[in-house]
Amino acid sequence: MLKKILISILVILIVVVAIVAFARVATGEDNWICVNSEWVKHGNPSSPMPDGGC
């Protein structure tokens, strides 16, 4: 019984860590963000600053 509980906890932890790692890799670090109605570079975006308002 204890072994099944420990394995379940381990599997849950592995899934959580995998989700966090995927979210970290999938989200762009190099992009433009809107701060106080102005576009601000975050990282080193390859695209030019957006033309539209933010």
Protein backbone atom coordinates (compact mmCIF):
# COMPACT_ATOMS: atom_id res chain seq x y z
CA MET A 1 0.00 0.00 0.00
CA LEU A 2 2.75 2.44 0.95
CA LYS A 3 4.63 1.59 -2.24
CA LYS A 4 1.60 2.49 -4.39
CA ILE A 5 1.23 5.84 -2.60
CA LEU A 6 4.91 6.68 -3.07
CA ILE A 7 4.79 5.74 -6.75
CA SER A 8 1.65 7.86 -7.21
CA ILE A 9 3.30 10.87 -5.56
CA LEU A 10 6.42 10.39 -7.68
CA VAL A 11 4.38 10.21 -10.89
CA ILE A 12 2.46 13.36 -9.94
CA LEU A 13 5.71 15.21 -9.20
CA ILE A 14 7.22 14.13 -12.51
CA VAL A 15 4.11 15.32 -14.39
CA VAL A 16 4.15 18.69 -12.60
CA VAL A 17 7.86 19.19 -13.31
CA ALA A 18 7.31 18.27 -16.98
CA ILE A 19 4.44 20.76 -17.29
CA VAL A 20 6.49 23.55 -15.70
CA ALA A 21 9.49 22.77 -17.93
CA PHE A 22 7.31 22.75 -21.04
CA ALA A 23 5.67 26.05 -20.09
CA ARG A 24 9.08 27.61 -19.52
CA VAL A 25 10.40 26.49 -22.90
CA ALA A 26 7.18 27.17 -24.83
CA THR A 27 6.73 30.77 -23.70
CA GLY A 28 8.75 33.29 -25.64
CA GLU A 29 11.39 35.23 -23.80
CA ASP A 30 12.21 37.42 -26.77
CA ASN A 31 9.17 39.50 -27.57
CA TRP A 32 7.58 42.93 -27.29
CA ILE A 33 5.44 43.73 -24.25
CA CYS A 34 3.15 46.67 -23.61
CA VAL A 35 4.09 48.78 -20.58
CA ASN A 36 2.30 52.06 -19.87
CA SER A 37 0.91 52.16 -23.43
CA GLU A 38 4.39 51.80 -24.97
CA TRP A 39 6.06 48.81 -26.61
CA VAL A 40 9.10 47.66 -24.64
CA LYS A 41 11.64 45.09 -25.78
CA HIS A 42 11.79 41.97 -23.60
CA GLY A 43 14.93 40.03 -24.42
CA ASN A 44 16.11 40.25 -28.02
CA PRO A 45 13.06 39.93 -30.29
CA SER A 46 13.72 39.08 -33.92
CA SER A 47 10.57 40.87 -35.07
CA PRO A 48 10.36 44.64 -35.37
CA MET A 49 8.35 46.70 -32.88
CA PRO A 50 4.60 46.33 -33.57
CA ASP A 51 3.03 49.20 -35.50
CA GLY A 52 -0.33 49.11 -33.75
CA GLY A 53 -1.09 50.62 -30.39
CA CYS A 54 -0.96 48.49 -27.34
